[in-house]
Amino acid sequence: MVRKLKFHEQKLLKKVDFISWEVDNNLHEVKIMKKYYIQKREDYTKYNKLSRQIRELARRIKDLDPNDPFRVDSGGQMLEKLYILGLIPNKRDLSLCDKVTASSFCRRRLPFVVVKSHMAQTMGMATKLVQQGHVRVGPEIIKDPAFLVSRNLEDFVTWVDTSAIRKHVMEYNDMRDDFVAM
């Protein structure tokens, strides 16, 4: 049961429209979160903030004198780092940094890499597999779907040895060894 609003509270509420609430980018944010199956809104806001900082840093580096050795060195380091993380396709030009968005980070999340490598059919299924501990990256079992997979680690995303799903896949492909199963 809610108390009756006082007169001045009613007057204040007349000025507020609860139906069309102004939230910046809310529809786009929800669309991206649904597409990449992001469960925590904080993750998306972190990716957005990081991508904004990357674009800002790239803009500042581009504003420096083209012959400045600091610009050449820092621009090369930034391109190398972004390429290793998998956020840009190549290390050619600093203008590629302008295309880094929150979706670029979402495409490096572990569930997306699992779907891309055909270990799962959907993002939801991949997220559940990661959360349940069926997927490992190298020797480490990763249970956090927000884990960002770099280009170097992309080849090491596999099933956990004790995973029942791995056993089913091996049986289906007639690759399961009875000796290993014991």
C-alpha atoms as a PDB file:
ATOM      1  CA  MET A   1       0.000   0.000   0.000  1.00  0.00           C
ATOM      2  CA  VAL A   2       1.323   3.356  -1.045  1.00  0.00           C
ATOM      3  CA  ARG A   3       0.623   6.547   0.860  1.00  0.00           C
ATOM      4  CA  LYS A   4      -1.299   9.339  -0.739  1.00  0.00           C
ATOM      5  CA  LEU A   5       0.953  11.957  -2.328  1.00  0.00           C
ATOM      6  CA  LYS A   6       1.020  15.425  -0.799  1.00  0.00           C
ATOM      7  CA  PHE A   7       0.007  18.431  -2.863  1.00  0.00           C
ATOM      8  CA  HIS A   8       3.541  19.635  -3.629  1.00  0.00           C
ATOM      9  CA  GLU A   9       4.594  16.081  -4.595  1.00  0.00           C
ATOM     10  CA  GLN A  10       1.720  15.832  -7.058  1.00  0.00           C
ATOM     11  CA  LYS A  11       2.707  19.190  -8.570  1.00  0.00           C
ATOM     12  CA  LEU A  12       6.286  17.980  -9.042  1.00  0.00           C
ATOM     13  CA  LEU A  13       5.194  14.726 -10.640  1.00  0.00           C
ATOM     14  CA  LYS A  14       3.099  16.551 -13.226  1.00  0.00           C
ATOM     15  CA  LYS A  15       6.340  17.799 -14.764  1.00  0.00           C
ATOM     16  CA  VAL A  16       7.884  14.336 -15.103  1.00  0.00           C
ATOM     17  CA  ASP A  17       6.902  12.073 -17.980  1.00  0.00           C
ATOM     18  CA  PHE A  18       7.418   8.444 -16.970  1.00  0.00           C
ATOM     19  CA  ILE A  19       6.187   7.064 -20.285  1.00  0.00           C
ATOM     20  CA  SER A  20       8.852   8.472 -22.613  1.00  0.00           C
ATOM     21  CA  TRP A  21      11.857   8.460 -20.324  1.00  0.00           C
ATOM     22  CA  GLU A  22      14.982   9.951 -21.882  1.00  0.00           C
ATOM     23  CA  VAL A  23      17.823   7.493 -21.683  1.00  0.00           C
ATOM     24  CA  ASP A  24      20.636   7.913 -24.105  1.00  0.00           C
ATOM     25  CA  ASN A  25      21.134   5.016 -26.474  1.00  0.00           C
ATOM     26  CA  ASN A  26      18.869   2.668 -24.526  1.00  0.00           C
ATOM     27  CA  LEU A  27      17.372   0.915 -27.557  1.00  0.00           C
ATOM     28  CA  HIS A  28      20.762   0.398 -29.173  1.00  0.00           C
ATOM     29  CA  GLU A  29      22.193  -0.808 -25.865  1.00  0.00           C
ATOM     30  CA  VAL A  30      19.413  -3.362 -25.374  1.00  0.00           C
ATOM     31  CA  LYS A  31      19.782  -4.554 -28.972  1.00  0.00           C
ATOM     32  CA  ILE A  32      23.544  -5.144 -28.567  1.00  0.00           C
ATOM     33  CA  MET A  33      23.092  -6.785 -25.169  1.00  0.00           C
ATOM     34  CA  LYS A  34      20.510  -9.156 -26.623  1.00  0.00           C
ATOM     35  CA  LYS A  35      22.576  -9.919 -29.730  1.00  0.00           C
ATOM     36  CA  TYR A  36      25.722 -10.822 -27.776  1.00  0.00           C
ATOM     37  CA  TYR A  37      23.808 -12.243 -24.777  1.00  0.00           C
ATOM     38  CA  ILE A  38      25.397  -9.867 -22.268  1.00  0.00           C
ATOM     39  CA  GLN A  39      23.780 -10.379 -18.902  1.00  0.00           C
ATOM     40  CA  LYS A  40      25.367  -7.486 -16.986  1.00  0.00           C
ATOM     41  CA  ARG A  41      24.716  -3.967 -18.185  1.00  0.00           C
ATOM     42  CA  GLU A  42      27.959  -2.903 -16.467  1.00  0.00           C
ATOM     43  CA  ASP A  43      29.945  -5.008 -18.952  1.00  0.00           C
ATOM     44  CA  TYR A  44      28.417  -3.153 -21.886  1.00  0.00           C
ATOM     45  CA  THR A  45      29.051   0.234 -20.282  1.00  0.00           C
ATOM     46  CA  LYS A  46      32.688  -0.761 -19.634  1.00  0.00           C
ATOM     47  CA  TYR A  47      33.115  -1.751 -23.291  1.00  0.00           C
ATOM     48  CA  ASN A  48      31.528   1.532 -24.360  1.00  0.00           C
ATOM     49  CA  LYS A  49      33.818   3.529 -22.089  1.00  0.00           C
ATOM     50  CA  LEU A  50      36.923   1.640 -23.248  1.00  0.00           C
ATOM     51  CA  SER A  51      36.066   2.112 -26.915  1.00  0.00           C
ATOM     52  CA  ARG A  52      35.487   5.822 -26.317  1.00  0.00           C
ATOM     53  CA  GLN A  53      38.880   6.122 -24.594  1.00  0.00           C
ATOM     54  CA  ILE A  54      40.586   4.245 -27.446  1.00  0.00           C
ATOM     55  CA  ARG A  55      39.057   6.572 -30.025  1.00  0.00           C
ATOM     56  CA  GLU A  56      40.033   9.619 -27.955  1.00  0.00           C
ATOM     57  CA  LEU A  57      43.630   8.401 -27.548  1.00  0.00           C
ATOM     58  CA  ALA A  58      43.890   7.653 -31.272  1.00  0.00           C
ATOM     59  CA  ARG A  59      42.583  11.126 -32.082  1.00  0.00           C
ATOM     60  CA  ARG A  60      45.182  12.699 -29.792  1.00  0.00           C
ATOM     61  CA  ILE A  61      47.979  10.645 -31.347  1.00  0.00           C
ATOM     62  CA  LYS A  62      46.786  11.633 -34.853  1.00  0.00           C
ATOM     63  CA  ASP A  63      46.844  15.314 -33.853  1.00  0.00           C
ATOM     64  CA  LEU A  64      50.591  15.139 -33.176  1.00  0.00           C
ATOM     65  CA  ASP A  65      53.152  16.072 -35.808  1.00  0.00           C
ATOM     66  CA  PRO A  66      53.549  13.185 -38.332  1.00  0.00           C
ATOM     67  CA  ASN A  67      57.354  13.331 -38.047  1.00  0.00           C
ATOM     68  CA  ASP A  68      57.347  13.213 -34.249  1.00  0.00           C
ATOM     69  CA  PRO A  69      59.101  10.007 -33.045  1.00  0.00           C
ATOM     70  CA  PHE A  70      56.705   9.789 -30.081  1.00  0.00           C
ATOM     71  CA  ARG A  71      53.721   9.712 -32.451  1.00  0.00           C
ATOM     72  CA  VAL A  72      55.254   6.941 -34.558  1.00  0.00           C
ATOM     73  CA  ASP A  73      56.188   4.880 -31.491  1.00  0.00           C
ATOM     74  CA  SER A  74      52.952   5.325 -29.520  1.00  0.00           C
ATOM     75  CA  GLY A  75      50.767   4.848 -32.617  1.00  0.00           C
ATOM     76  CA  GLY A  76      52.590   1.611 -33.448  1.00  0.00           C
ATOM     77  CA  GLN A  77      52.240   0.351 -29.880  1.00  0.00           C
ATOM     78  CA  MET A  78      48.533   1.142 -29.836  1.00  0.00           C
ATOM     79  CA  LEU A  79      47.894  -0.554 -33.180  1.00  0.00           C
ATOM     80  CA  GLU A  80      49.885  -3.608 -32.056  1.00  0.00           C
ATOM     81  CA  LYS A  81      47.927  -3.887 -28.803  1.00  0.00           C
ATOM     82  CA  LEU A  82      44.539  -3.502 -30.495  1.00  0.00           C
ATOM     83  CA  TYR A  83      45.506  -6.053 -33.165  1.00  0.00           C
ATOM     84  CA  ILE A  84      46.638  -8.606 -30.559  1.00  0.00           C
ATOM     85  CA  LEU A  85      43.357  -8.108 -28.687  1.00  0.00           C
ATOM     86  CA  GLY A  86      41.507  -8.666 -31.970  1.00  0.00           C
ATOM     87  CA  LEU A  87      39.715  -5.319 -31.981  1.00  0.00           C
ATOM     88  CA  ILE A  88      41.105  -4.236 -35.362  1.00  0.00           C
ATOM     89  CA  PRO A  89      41.684  -6.422 -38.477  1.00  0.00           C
ATOM     90  CA  ASN A  90      45.232  -5.204 -39.276  1.00  0.00           C
ATOM     91  CA  LYS A  91      47.989  -2.887 -38.050  1.00  0.00           C
ATOM     92  CA  ARG A  92      48.175  -0.574 -41.049  1.00  0.00           C
ATOM     93  CA  ASP A  93      46.539   2.697 -40.127  1.00  0.00           C
ATOM     94  CA  LEU A  94      45.588   4.638 -37.008  1.00  0.00           C
ATOM     95  CA  SER A  95      42.192   5.426 -38.556  1.00  0.00           C
ATOM     96  CA  LEU A  96      41.134   1.838 -37.760  1.00  0.00           C
ATOM     97  CA  CYS A  97      40.961   2.888 -34.107  1.00  0.00           C
ATOM     98  CA  ASP A  98      37.953   5.063 -34.943  1.00  0.00           C
ATOM     99  CA  LYS A  99      36.004   1.919 -35.799  1.00  0.00           C
ATOM    100  CA  VAL A 100      36.518   0.302 -32.369  1.00  0.00           C
ATOM    101  CA  THR A 101      33.124   0.102 -30.668  1.00  0.00           C
ATOM    102  CA  ALA A 102      31.544  -1.749 -27.778  1.00  0.00           C
ATOM    103  CA  SER A 103      30.510  -4.422 -30.285  1.00  0.00           C
ATOM    104  CA  SER A 104      34.192  -4.976 -31.101  1.00  0.00           C
ATOM    105  CA  PHE A 105      34.748  -5.949 -27.483  1.00  0.00           C
ATOM    106  CA  CYS A 106      31.597  -8.093 -27.488  1.00  0.00           C
ATOM    107  CA  ARG A 107      32.947 -10.050 -30.479  1.00  0.00           C
ATOM    108  CA  ARG A 108      36.022 -10.985 -28.402  1.00  0.00           C
ATOM    109  CA  ARG A 109      34.004 -12.434 -25.507  1.00  0.00           C
ATOM    110  CA  LEU A 110      34.398 -16.159 -24.866  1.00  0.00           C
ATOM    111  CA  PRO A 111      30.789 -17.174 -25.767  1.00  0.00           C
ATOM    112  CA  PHE A 112      31.091 -15.429 -29.151  1.00  0.00           C
ATOM    113  CA  VAL A 113      34.369 -17.240 -29.869  1.00  0.00           C
ATOM    114  CA  VAL A 114      32.700 -20.529 -28.861  1.00  0.00           C
ATOM    115  CA  VAL A 115      29.867 -19.905 -31.343  1.00  0.00           C
ATOM    116  CA  LYS A 116      32.338 -18.813 -34.033  1.00  0.00           C
ATOM    117  CA  SER A 117      34.302 -22.049 -33.633  1.00  0.00           C
ATOM    118  CA  HIS A 118      31.035 -24.063 -33.948  1.00  0.00           C
ATOM    119  CA  MET A 119      31.222 -25.478 -30.423  1.00  0.00           C
ATOM    120  CA  ALA A 120      27.712 -24.112 -29.756  1.00  0.00           C
ATOM    121  CA  GLN A 121      24.833 -23.053 -31.974  1.00  0.00           C
ATOM    122  CA  THR A 122      23.592 -19.936 -30.183  1.00  0.00           C
ATOM    123  CA  MET A 123      25.003 -17.272 -27.916  1.00  0.00           C
ATOM    124  CA  GLY A 124      22.682 -18.298 -25.085  1.00  0.00           C
ATOM    125  CA  MET A 125      23.817 -21.894 -25.284  1.00  0.00           C
ATOM    126  CA  ALA A 126      27.466 -20.834 -25.424  1.00  0.00           C
ATOM    127  CA  THR A 127      27.036 -18.603 -22.377  1.00  0.00           C
ATOM    128  CA  LYS A 128      25.489 -21.461 -20.405  1.00  0.00           C
ATOM    129  CA  LEU A 129      28.292 -23.813 -21.430  1.00  0.00           C
ATOM    130  CA  VAL A 130      30.885 -21.292 -20.261  1.00  0.00           C
ATOM    131  CA  GLN A 131      29.089 -20.657 -16.976  1.00  0.00           C
ATOM    132  CA  GLN A 132      28.758 -24.388 -16.279  1.00  0.00           C
ATOM    133  CA  GLY A 133      32.498 -24.914 -16.813  1.00  0.00           C
ATOM    134  CA  HIS A 134      32.499 -26.942 -20.049  1.00  0.00           C
ATOM    135  CA  VAL A 135      34.929 -24.631 -21.884  1.00  0.00           C
ATOM    136  CA  ARG A 136      38.585 -23.952 -21.201  1.00  0.00           C
ATOM    137  CA  VAL A 137      41.119 -21.560 -22.660  1.00  0.00           C
ATOM    138  CA  GLY A 138      44.513 -23.223 -22.646  1.00  0.00           C
ATOM    139  CA  PRO A 139      44.863 -25.076 -19.341  1.00  0.00           C
ATOM    140  CA  GLU A 140      42.453 -22.749 -17.466  1.00  0.00           C
ATOM    141  CA  ILE A 141      38.746 -23.481 -17.043  1.00  0.00           C
ATOM    142  CA  ILE A 142      36.920 -20.194 -17.589  1.00  0.00           C
ATOM    143  CA  LYS A 143      33.467 -19.742 -16.038  1.00  0.00           C
ATOM    144  CA  ASP A 144      33.116 -16.019 -16.745  1.00  0.00           C
ATOM    145  CA  PRO A 145      31.346 -15.246 -20.045  1.00  0.00           C
ATOM    146  CA  ALA A 146      32.888 -11.740 -20.035  1.00  0.00           C
ATOM    147  CA  PHE A 147      36.385 -13.193 -20.553  1.00  0.00           C
ATOM    148  CA  LEU A 148      37.987 -11.490 -23.564  1.00  0.00           C
ATOM    149  CA  VAL A 149      39.853 -13.879 -25.855  1.00  0.00           C
ATOM    150  CA  SER A 150      42.871 -12.434 -27.655  1.00  0.00           C
ATOM    151  CA  ARG A 151      44.054 -13.597 -31.082  1.00  0.00           C
ATOM    152  CA  ASN A 152      46.783 -15.720 -29.480  1.00  0.00           C
ATOM    153  CA  LEU A 153      44.344 -17.574 -27.200  1.00  0.00           C
ATOM    154  CA  GLU A 154      41.673 -18.084 -29.856  1.00  0.00           C
ATOM    155  CA  ASP A 155      43.211 -21.378 -31.012  1.00  0.00           C
ATOM    156  CA  PHE A 156      43.296 -22.747 -27.460  1.00  0.00           C
ATOM    157  CA  VAL A 157      39.542 -22.586 -26.780  1.00  0.00           C
ATOM    158  CA  THR A 158      38.497 -26.234 -26.270  1.00  0.00           C
ATOM    159  CA  TRP A 159      36.280 -28.460 -24.193  1.00  0.00           C
ATOM    160  CA  VAL A 160      37.247 -29.426 -20.667  1.00  0.00           C
ATOM    161  CA  ASP A 161      38.571 -33.016 -20.573  1.00  0.00           C
ATOM    162  CA  THR A 162      35.849 -34.156 -18.156  1.00  0.00           C
ATOM    163  CA  SER A 163      33.009 -32.470 -20.037  1.00  0.00           C
ATOM    164  CA  ALA A 164      30.067 -34.710 -20.965  1.00  0.00           C
ATOM    165  CA  ILE A 165      29.507 -32.606 -24.080  1.00  0.00           C
ATOM    166  CA  ARG A 166      33.053 -33.332 -25.229  1.00  0.00           C
ATOM    167  CA  LYS A 167      32.378 -37.056 -24.812  1.00  0.00           C
ATOM    168  CA  HIS A 168      29.199 -36.818 -26.880  1.00  0.00           C
ATOM    169  CA  VAL A 169      30.990 -34.903 -29.635  1.00  0.00           C
ATOM    170  CA  MET A 170      33.833 -37.440 -29.660  1.00  0.00           C
ATOM    171  CA  GLU A 171      31.353 -40.344 -29.857  1.00  0.00           C
ATOM    172  CA  TYR A 172      29.446 -38.661 -32.657  1.00  0.00           C
ATOM    173  CA  ASN A 173      32.645 -38.192 -34.660  1.00  0.00           C
ATOM    174  CA  ASP A 174      33.826 -41.766 -33.881  1.00  0.00           C
ATOM    175  CA  MET A 175      36.954 -40.362 -32.265  1.00  0.00           C
ATOM    176  CA  ARG A 176      36.374 -41.410 -28.671  1.00  0.00           C
ATOM    177  CA  ASP A 177      39.008 -43.705 -27.268  1.00  0.00           C
ATOM    178  CA  ASP A 178      37.763 -46.228 -24.676  1.00  0.00           C
ATOM    179  CA  PHE A 179      41.154 -46.301 -22.981  1.00  0.00           C
ATOM    180  CA  VAL A 180      41.084 -42.509 -22.394  1.00  0.00           C
ATOM    181  CA  ALA A 181      37.514 -42.722 -21.109  1.00  0.00           C
ATOM    182  CA  MET A 182      38.588 -44.936 -18.224  1.00  0.00           C
END
